Amino acid sequence: MSFALNAQLAAKRPPLPTTTVIDPVTASIIRGALETVCYEATTHLGRAASSPIINQSNERNAAIVDAHGRLAMGSIGTPHLTFVSQLTVRYGLMQQQDYDWGPGDVFVGNDPDYGGGHLPDYNVYAPVYDAAGELVLVQA
């Protein structure tokens, strides 16, 4: 990975512009829901995988990345994979304008030169849109 691309992928993202105020109880409920989504995704992957690396050694995880490429939540099987997923999604978001992303799309990335860890690390991610067609998050 080039130094410039690495710096761009790893750069801190700006906060989302919002005027919404969420009370601590609602924030806790939302956090719990996001944790559950990630936990269930990793559990399903572990049960469905035929590879012992995935289903027995727990080398898997799931993440929710916001529309700006910031990690919102993760279920960690192997900690370094959380950040690999985030960088791969960030690279995908950089390419979003060149391709026609839409509801139902699923992407696979594993190239170490474009945000991936190493070739055996496959990152499968899918954009999630709201009713107005705006990208809300990416499930990785």
N, C-alpha and C. Protein backbone atom coordinates (compact mmCIF):
# COMPACT_ATOMS: atom_id res chain seq x y z
N MET A 1 0.86 -1.17 0.00
CA MET A 1 0.00 0.00 0.00
C MET A 1 0.90 1.23 0.00
N SER A 2 0.59 2.19 -0.84
CA SER A 2 1.39 3.39 -0.89
C SER A 2 1.21 4.19 0.40
N PHE A 3 2.22 4.98 0.72
CA PHE A 3 2.15 5.80 1.93
C PHE A 3 0.97 6.76 1.87
N ALA A 4 0.74 7.37 0.71
CA ALA A 4 -0.34 8.34 0.57
C ALA A 4 -1.70 7.68 0.78
N LEU A 5 -1.92 6.50 0.18
CA LEU A 5 -3.19 5.80 0.35
C LEU A 5 -3.36 5.35 1.80
N ASN A 6 -2.28 4.84 2.40
CA ASN A 6 -2.34 4.42 3.79
C ASN A 6 -2.73 5.60 4.69
N ALA A 7 -2.13 6.74 4.47
CA ALA A 7 -2.45 7.93 5.27
C ALA A 7 -3.90 8.36 5.06
N GLN A 8 -4.38 8.25 3.83
CA GLN A 8 -5.76 8.64 3.54
C GLN A 8 -6.75 7.69 4.20
N LEU A 9 -6.48 6.39 4.14
CA LEU A 9 -7.38 5.41 4.75
C LEU A 9 -7.38 5.50 6.27
N ALA A 10 -6.22 5.79 6.85
CA ALA A 10 -6.10 5.82 8.31
C ALA A 10 -6.45 7.17 8.93
N ALA A 11 -6.67 8.19 8.11
CA ALA A 11 -6.94 9.54 8.62
C ALA A 11 -8.22 9.57 9.45
N LYS A 12 -8.20 10.41 10.49
CA LYS A 12 -9.38 10.59 11.33
C LYS A 12 -10.50 11.23 10.52
N ARG A 13 -11.69 10.71 10.67
CA ARG A 13 -12.85 11.21 9.96
C ARG A 13 -13.53 12.32 10.75
N PRO A 14 -14.11 13.30 10.06
CA PRO A 14 -14.80 14.38 10.78
C PRO A 14 -16.09 13.87 11.39
N PRO A 15 -16.56 14.54 12.45
CA PRO A 15 -17.84 14.12 13.05
C PRO A 15 -18.99 14.35 12.08
N LEU A 16 -20.03 13.56 12.24
CA LEU A 16 -21.22 13.72 11.42
C LEU A 16 -21.95 14.99 11.81
N PRO A 17 -22.40 15.78 10.84
CA PRO A 17 -23.17 16.97 11.17
C PRO A 17 -24.56 16.56 11.64
N THR A 18 -24.92 16.98 12.83
CA THR A 18 -26.25 16.64 13.35
C THR A 18 -26.67 17.64 14.42
N THR A 19 -27.95 17.81 14.53
CA THR A 19 -28.50 18.62 15.60
C THR A 19 -29.32 17.75 16.55
N THR A 20 -29.29 16.44 16.31
CA THR A 20 -30.05 15.50 17.12
C THR A 20 -29.44 15.36 18.51
N VAL A 21 -30.29 15.36 19.50
CA VAL A 21 -29.85 15.13 20.87
C VAL A 21 -30.49 13.82 21.33
N ILE A 22 -29.65 12.91 21.80
CA ILE A 22 -30.14 11.60 22.25
C ILE A 22 -29.84 11.47 23.74
N ASP A 23 -30.86 11.09 24.50
CA ASP A 23 -30.66 10.92 25.93
C ASP A 23 -29.85 9.64 26.18
N PRO A 24 -29.22 9.52 27.35
CA PRO A 24 -28.36 8.37 27.64
C PRO A 24 -29.07 7.02 27.57
N VAL A 25 -30.32 6.95 27.94
CA VAL A 25 -31.05 5.67 27.90
C VAL A 25 -31.24 5.22 26.44
N THR A 26 -31.67 6.13 25.58
CA THR A 26 -31.85 5.79 24.17
C THR A 26 -30.52 5.42 23.54
N ALA A 27 -29.46 6.15 23.87
CA ALA A 27 -28.13 5.84 23.34
C ALA A 27 -27.70 4.44 23.76
N SER A 28 -27.98 4.07 24.99
CA SER A 28 -27.63 2.74 25.48
C SER A 28 -28.41 1.64 24.75
N ILE A 29 -29.67 1.90 24.48
CA ILE A 29 -30.49 0.93 23.74
C ILE A 29 -29.95 0.76 22.31
N ILE A 30 -29.60 1.86 21.67
CA ILE A 30 -29.06 1.80 20.31
C ILE A 30 -27.73 1.05 20.32
N ARG A 31 -26.89 1.34 21.29
CA ARG A 31 -25.60 0.65 21.40
C ARG A 31 -25.81 -0.85 21.57
N GLY A 32 -26.73 -1.23 22.43
CA GLY A 32 -27.01 -2.64 22.63
C GLY A 32 -27.50 -3.32 21.37
N ALA A 33 -28.33 -2.62 20.60
CA ALA A 33 -28.83 -3.18 19.34
C ALA A 33 -27.69 -3.37 18.34
N LEU A 34 -26.80 -2.40 18.24
CA LEU A 34 -25.66 -2.52 17.32
C LEU A 34 -24.73 -3.65 17.75
N GLU A 35 -24.49 -3.77 19.06
CA GLU A 35 -23.66 -4.87 19.56
C GLU A 35 -24.29 -6.22 19.21
N THR A 36 -25.60 -6.32 19.35
CA THR A 36 -26.30 -7.56 19.05
C THR A 36 -26.19 -7.91 17.57
N VAL A 37 -26.34 -6.93 16.70
CA VAL A 37 -26.22 -7.19 15.26
C VAL A 37 -24.83 -7.76 14.94
N CYS A 38 -23.79 -7.14 15.48
CA CYS A 38 -22.43 -7.62 15.22
C CYS A 38 -22.20 -9.00 15.83
N TYR A 39 -22.66 -9.21 17.04
CA TYR A 39 -22.48 -10.51 17.69
C TYR A 39 -23.19 -11.61 16.91
N GLU A 40 -24.42 -11.36 16.48
CA GLU A 40 -25.16 -12.37 15.74
C GLU A 40 -24.52 -12.64 14.38
N ALA A 41 -23.95 -11.63 13.74
CA ALA A 41 -23.28 -11.84 12.45
C ALA A 41 -22.06 -12.73 12.63
N THR A 42 -21.26 -12.49 13.66
CA THR A 42 -20.07 -13.34 13.87
C THR A 42 -20.48 -14.75 14.29
N THR A 43 -21.52 -14.86 15.08
CA THR A 43 -21.99 -16.19 15.51
C THR A 43 -22.49 -16.98 14.30
N HIS A 44 -23.25 -16.35 13.45
CA HIS A 44 -23.75 -17.03 12.25
C HIS A 44 -22.60 -17.46 11.35
N LEU A 45 -21.62 -16.58 11.16
CA LEU A 45 -20.47 -16.93 10.34
C LEU A 45 -19.72 -18.11 10.93
N GLY A 46 -19.52 -18.11 12.24
CA GLY A 46 -18.82 -19.22 12.88
C GLY A 46 -19.55 -20.54 12.74
N ARG A 47 -20.85 -20.51 12.82
CA ARG A 47 -21.64 -21.74 12.68
C ARG A 47 -21.73 -22.22 11.24
N ALA A 48 -21.68 -21.30 10.30
CA ALA A 48 -21.83 -21.67 8.90
C ALA A 48 -20.50 -22.01 8.23
N ALA A 49 -19.39 -21.59 8.80
CA ALA A 49 -18.08 -21.77 8.16
C ALA A 49 -17.61 -23.22 8.27
N SER A 50 -17.00 -23.69 7.20
CA SER A 50 -16.42 -25.03 7.24
C SER A 50 -14.95 -24.99 7.63
N SER A 51 -14.35 -23.82 7.60
CA SER A 51 -12.94 -23.69 7.95
C SER A 51 -12.76 -23.68 9.47
N PRO A 52 -11.88 -24.54 10.01
CA PRO A 52 -11.64 -24.52 11.46
C PRO A 52 -11.00 -23.22 11.93
N ILE A 53 -10.35 -22.50 11.03
CA ILE A 53 -9.76 -21.21 11.41
C ILE A 53 -10.87 -20.25 11.80
N ILE A 54 -11.99 -20.32 11.10
CA ILE A 54 -13.11 -19.43 11.38
C ILE A 54 -14.00 -19.98 12.49
N ASN A 55 -14.37 -21.26 12.39
CA ASN A 55 -15.38 -21.76 13.33
C ASN A 55 -14.83 -22.28 14.65
N GLN A 56 -13.53 -22.51 14.76
CA GLN A 56 -12.99 -23.01 16.02
C GLN A 56 -12.00 -22.06 16.67
N SER A 57 -11.20 -21.37 15.87
CA SER A 57 -10.19 -20.49 16.46
C SER A 57 -10.70 -19.07 16.65
N ASN A 58 -11.94 -18.81 16.24
CA ASN A 58 -12.58 -17.52 16.46
C ASN A 58 -11.91 -16.39 15.67
N GLU A 59 -11.28 -16.71 14.55
CA GLU A 59 -10.65 -15.68 13.75
C GLU A 59 -11.67 -15.09 12.77
N ARG A 60 -12.58 -14.34 13.35
CA ARG A 60 -13.66 -13.71 12.59
C ARG A 60 -14.19 -12.54 13.40
N ASN A 61 -14.84 -11.64 12.75
CA ASN A 61 -15.51 -10.56 13.45
C ASN A 61 -16.47 -9.87 12.51
N ALA A 62 -17.29 -9.01 13.07
CA ALA A 62 -18.24 -8.21 12.29
C ALA A 62 -18.12 -6.78 12.78
N ALA A 63 -18.42 -5.85 11.88
CA ALA A 63 -18.33 -4.44 12.24
C ALA A 63 -19.44 -3.66 11.55
N ILE A 64 -19.79 -2.57 12.16
CA ILE A 64 -20.68 -1.59 11.55
C ILE A 64 -19.86 -0.31 11.40
N VAL A 65 -19.79 0.15 10.15
CA VAL A 65 -19.01 1.34 9.82
C VAL A 65 -20.00 2.38 9.32
N ASP A 66 -19.88 3.62 9.80
CA ASP A 66 -20.83 4.64 9.36
C ASP A 66 -20.53 5.08 7.93
N ALA A 67 -21.38 5.94 7.40
CA ALA A 67 -21.29 6.36 6.00
C ALA A 67 -20.02 7.15 5.70
N HIS A 68 -19.29 7.56 6.74
CA HIS A 68 -18.04 8.30 6.54
C HIS A 68 -16.82 7.43 6.80
N GLY A 69 -17.03 6.13 7.03
CA GLY A 69 -15.92 5.21 7.22
C GLY A 69 -15.42 5.09 8.65
N ARG A 70 -16.22 5.55 9.61
CA ARG A 70 -15.81 5.45 11.01
C ARG A 70 -16.44 4.21 11.65
N LEU A 71 -15.66 3.51 12.45
CA LEU A 71 -16.15 2.33 13.14
C LEU A 71 -17.20 2.74 14.15
N ALA A 72 -18.41 2.18 14.02
CA ALA A 72 -19.50 2.48 14.95
C ALA A 72 -19.63 1.39 16.00
N MET A 73 -19.41 0.13 15.60
CA MET A 73 -19.53 -0.98 16.53
C MET A 73 -18.81 -2.18 15.94
N GLY A 74 -18.35 -3.06 16.79
CA GLY A 74 -17.71 -4.27 16.30
C GLY A 74 -17.85 -5.40 17.30
N SER A 75 -17.90 -6.61 16.80
CA SER A 75 -17.87 -7.81 17.62
C SER A 75 -16.54 -8.46 17.34
N ILE A 76 -15.68 -8.48 18.31
CA ILE A 76 -14.29 -8.83 18.07
C ILE A 76 -14.02 -10.30 18.37
N GLY A 77 -13.59 -11.00 17.32
CA GLY A 77 -13.06 -12.34 17.48
C GLY A 77 -11.55 -12.23 17.53
N THR A 78 -10.99 -11.58 16.54
CA THR A 78 -9.56 -11.28 16.47
C THR A 78 -9.45 -9.77 16.31
N PRO A 79 -8.90 -9.05 17.29
CA PRO A 79 -8.94 -7.58 17.29
C PRO A 79 -8.43 -6.91 16.03
N HIS A 80 -7.33 -7.38 15.46
CA HIS A 80 -6.78 -6.67 14.29
C HIS A 80 -7.73 -6.70 13.10
N LEU A 81 -8.61 -7.68 13.02
CA LEU A 81 -9.52 -7.75 11.89
C LEU A 81 -10.55 -6.63 11.91
N THR A 82 -10.86 -6.11 13.08
CA THR A 82 -11.81 -5.00 13.17
C THR A 82 -11.29 -3.80 12.38
N PHE A 83 -10.02 -3.52 12.50
CA PHE A 83 -9.46 -2.36 11.82
C PHE A 83 -9.21 -2.64 10.35
N VAL A 84 -8.92 -3.90 10.00
CA VAL A 84 -8.79 -4.27 8.60
C VAL A 84 -10.13 -4.08 7.90
N SER A 85 -11.20 -4.51 8.54
CA SER A 85 -12.54 -4.33 7.96
C SER A 85 -12.83 -2.86 7.72
N GLN A 86 -12.51 -2.04 8.69
CA GLN A 86 -12.77 -0.61 8.57
C GLN A 86 -12.00 0.01 7.41
N LEU A 87 -10.74 -0.36 7.25
CA LEU A 87 -9.93 0.21 6.17
C LEU A 87 -10.43 -0.26 4.81
N THR A 88 -10.84 -1.53 4.72
CA THR A 88 -11.36 -2.04 3.46
C THR A 88 -12.65 -1.31 3.08
N VAL A 89 -13.51 -1.08 4.05
CA VAL A 89 -14.75 -0.35 3.79
C VAL A 89 -14.43 1.09 3.40
N ARG A 90 -13.47 1.71 4.05
CA ARG A 90 -13.08 3.07 3.68
C ARG A 90 -12.61 3.14 2.23
N TYR A 91 -11.84 2.15 1.81
CA TYR A 91 -11.39 2.13 0.42
C TYR A 91 -12.60 1.97 -0.51
N GLY A 92 -13.52 1.10 -0.14
CA GLY A 92 -14.74 0.94 -0.93
C GLY A 92 -15.53 2.23 -1.03
N LEU A 93 -15.63 2.96 0.08
CA LEU A 93 -16.35 4.24 0.08
C LEU A 93 -15.67 5.25 -0.84
N MET A 94 -14.34 5.18 -0.93
CA MET A 94 -13.62 6.07 -1.83
C MET A 94 -13.97 5.76 -3.29
N GLN A 95 -14.33 4.53 -3.58
CA GLN A 95 -14.65 4.11 -4.95
C GLN A 95 -16.15 4.22 -5.26
N GLN A 96 -16.94 4.58 -4.26
CA GLN A 96 -18.39 4.59 -4.40
C GLN A 96 -18.87 5.46 -5.56
N GLN A 97 -18.24 6.58 -5.80
CA GLN A 97 -18.68 7.48 -6.86
C GLN A 97 -18.39 6.92 -8.25
N ASP A 98 -17.42 6.02 -8.36
CA ASP A 98 -17.08 5.42 -9.66
C ASP A 98 -17.99 4.25 -10.02
N TYR A 99 -18.71 3.73 -9.03
CA TYR A 99 -19.57 2.57 -9.25
C TYR A 99 -20.96 2.89 -8.74
N ASP A 100 -21.93 2.17 -9.21
CA ASP A 100 -23.32 2.42 -8.87
C ASP A 100 -23.72 1.57 -7.65
N TRP A 101 -23.42 2.06 -6.46
CA TRP A 101 -23.79 1.34 -5.24
C TRP A 101 -25.30 1.45 -5.06
N GLY A 102 -25.90 0.42 -4.51
CA GLY A 102 -27.33 0.46 -4.25
C GLY A 102 -27.74 -0.59 -3.24
N PRO A 103 -29.02 -0.55 -2.83
CA PRO A 103 -29.52 -1.54 -1.87
C PRO A 103 -29.36 -2.95 -2.44
N GLY A 104 -28.92 -3.86 -1.59
CA GLY A 104 -28.73 -5.25 -1.99
C GLY A 104 -27.33 -5.57 -2.48
N ASP A 105 -26.48 -4.56 -2.66
CA ASP A 105 -25.10 -4.81 -3.10
C ASP A 105 -24.29 -5.43 -1.97
N VAL A 106 -23.37 -6.29 -2.35
CA VAL A 106 -22.44 -6.90 -1.40
C VAL A 106 -21.07 -6.87 -2.06
N PHE A 107 -20.05 -6.46 -1.31
CA PHE A 107 -18.71 -6.34 -1.84
C PHE A 107 -17.75 -7.25 -1.08
N VAL A 108 -16.70 -7.67 -1.76
CA VAL A 108 -15.66 -8.49 -1.15
C VAL A 108 -14.33 -7.80 -1.41
N GLY A 109 -13.53 -7.67 -0.36
CA GLY A 109 -12.21 -7.07 -0.50
C GLY A 109 -11.19 -7.86 0.29
N ASN A 110 -9.99 -8.02 -0.26
CA ASN A 110 -8.92 -8.67 0.48
C ASN A 110 -7.54 -8.19 0.07
N ASP A 111 -7.44 -7.18 -0.75
CA ASP A 111 -6.15 -6.74 -1.26
C ASP A 111 -5.41 -5.93 -0.20
N PRO A 112 -4.22 -6.38 0.22
CA PRO A 112 -3.45 -5.65 1.23
C PRO A 112 -3.07 -4.24 0.78
N ASP A 113 -2.99 -4.01 -0.52
CA ASP A 113 -2.64 -2.68 -1.01
C ASP A 113 -3.79 -1.69 -0.97
N TYR A 114 -5.00 -2.17 -0.67
CA TYR A 114 -6.17 -1.29 -0.66
C TYR A 114 -6.99 -1.50 0.61
N GLY A 115 -6.31 -1.49 1.73
CA GLY A 115 -7.00 -1.54 3.01
C GLY A 115 -7.10 -2.91 3.65
N GLY A 116 -6.82 -3.99 2.92
CA GLY A 116 -6.93 -5.33 3.48
C GLY A 116 -5.73 -5.69 4.34
N GLY A 117 -5.87 -6.74 5.13
CA GLY A 117 -4.77 -7.19 5.99
C GLY A 117 -3.76 -7.98 5.18
N HIS A 118 -4.12 -9.19 4.79
CA HIS A 118 -3.32 -10.00 3.88
C HIS A 118 -4.29 -10.86 3.08
N LEU A 119 -3.81 -11.51 2.05
CA LEU A 119 -4.70 -12.16 1.09
C LEU A 119 -5.71 -13.13 1.70
N PRO A 120 -5.39 -13.90 2.75
CA PRO A 120 -6.42 -14.80 3.29
C PRO A 120 -7.52 -14.08 4.07
N ASP A 121 -7.37 -12.80 4.37
CA ASP A 121 -8.41 -12.04 5.08
C ASP A 121 -9.42 -11.50 4.08
N TYR A 122 -10.58 -12.12 4.02
CA TYR A 122 -11.64 -11.65 3.13
C TYR A 122 -12.60 -10.77 3.93
N ASN A 123 -12.89 -9.62 3.40
CA ASN A 123 -13.83 -8.70 4.02
C ASN A 123 -15.06 -8.60 3.14
N VAL A 124 -16.17 -9.04 3.66
CA VAL A 124 -17.44 -8.97 2.94
C VAL A 124 -18.23 -7.86 3.59
N TYR A 125 -18.68 -6.90 2.80
CA TYR A 125 -19.42 -5.78 3.37
C TYR A 125 -20.55 -5.35 2.45
N ALA A 126 -21.58 -4.78 3.08
CA ALA A 126 -22.78 -4.38 2.33
C ALA A 126 -23.27 -3.03 2.83
N PRO A 127 -23.60 -2.13 1.91
CA PRO A 127 -24.15 -0.83 2.30
C PRO A 127 -25.60 -0.97 2.74
N VAL A 128 -25.99 -0.13 3.69
CA VAL A 128 -27.37 -0.10 4.18
C VAL A 128 -27.89 1.32 3.96
N TYR A 129 -29.06 1.42 3.35
CA TYR A 129 -29.65 2.71 3.00
C TYR A 129 -30.93 2.96 3.77
N ASP A 130 -31.26 4.24 3.97
CA ASP A 130 -32.54 4.58 4.59
C ASP A 130 -33.62 4.66 3.51
N ALA A 131 -34.84 4.99 3.92
CA ALA A 131 -35.97 5.04 2.98
C ALA A 131 -35.78 6.08 1.88
N ALA A 132 -35.00 7.12 2.16
CA ALA A 132 -34.76 8.17 1.16
C ALA A 132 -33.62 7.82 0.21
N GLY A 133 -32.98 6.67 0.41
CA GLY A 133 -31.89 6.25 -0.47
C GLY A 133 -30.52 6.77 -0.05
N GLU A 134 -30.41 7.31 1.14
CA GLU A 134 -29.13 7.80 1.65
C GLU A 134 -28.38 6.68 2.35
N LEU A 135 -27.06 6.60 2.11
CA LEU A 135 -26.24 5.61 2.77
C LEU A 135 -26.17 5.93 4.27
N VAL A 136 -26.54 4.96 5.10
CA VAL A 136 -26.55 5.15 6.55
C VAL A 136 -25.32 4.51 7.17
N LEU A 137 -25.05 3.26 6.79
CA LEU A 137 -23.94 2.53 7.37
C LEU A 137 -23.53 1.41 6.43
N VAL A 138 -22.44 0.77 6.78
CA VAL A 138 -21.98 -0.39 6.03
C VAL A 138 -21.79 -1.51 7.03
N GLN A 139 -22.42 -2.64 6.77
CA GLN A 139 -22.26 -3.82 7.62
C GLN A 139 -21.11 -4.63 7.05
N ALA A 140 -20.09 -4.83 7.88
CA ALA A 140 -18.90 -5.57 7.42
C ALA A 140 -18.68 -6.79 8.28
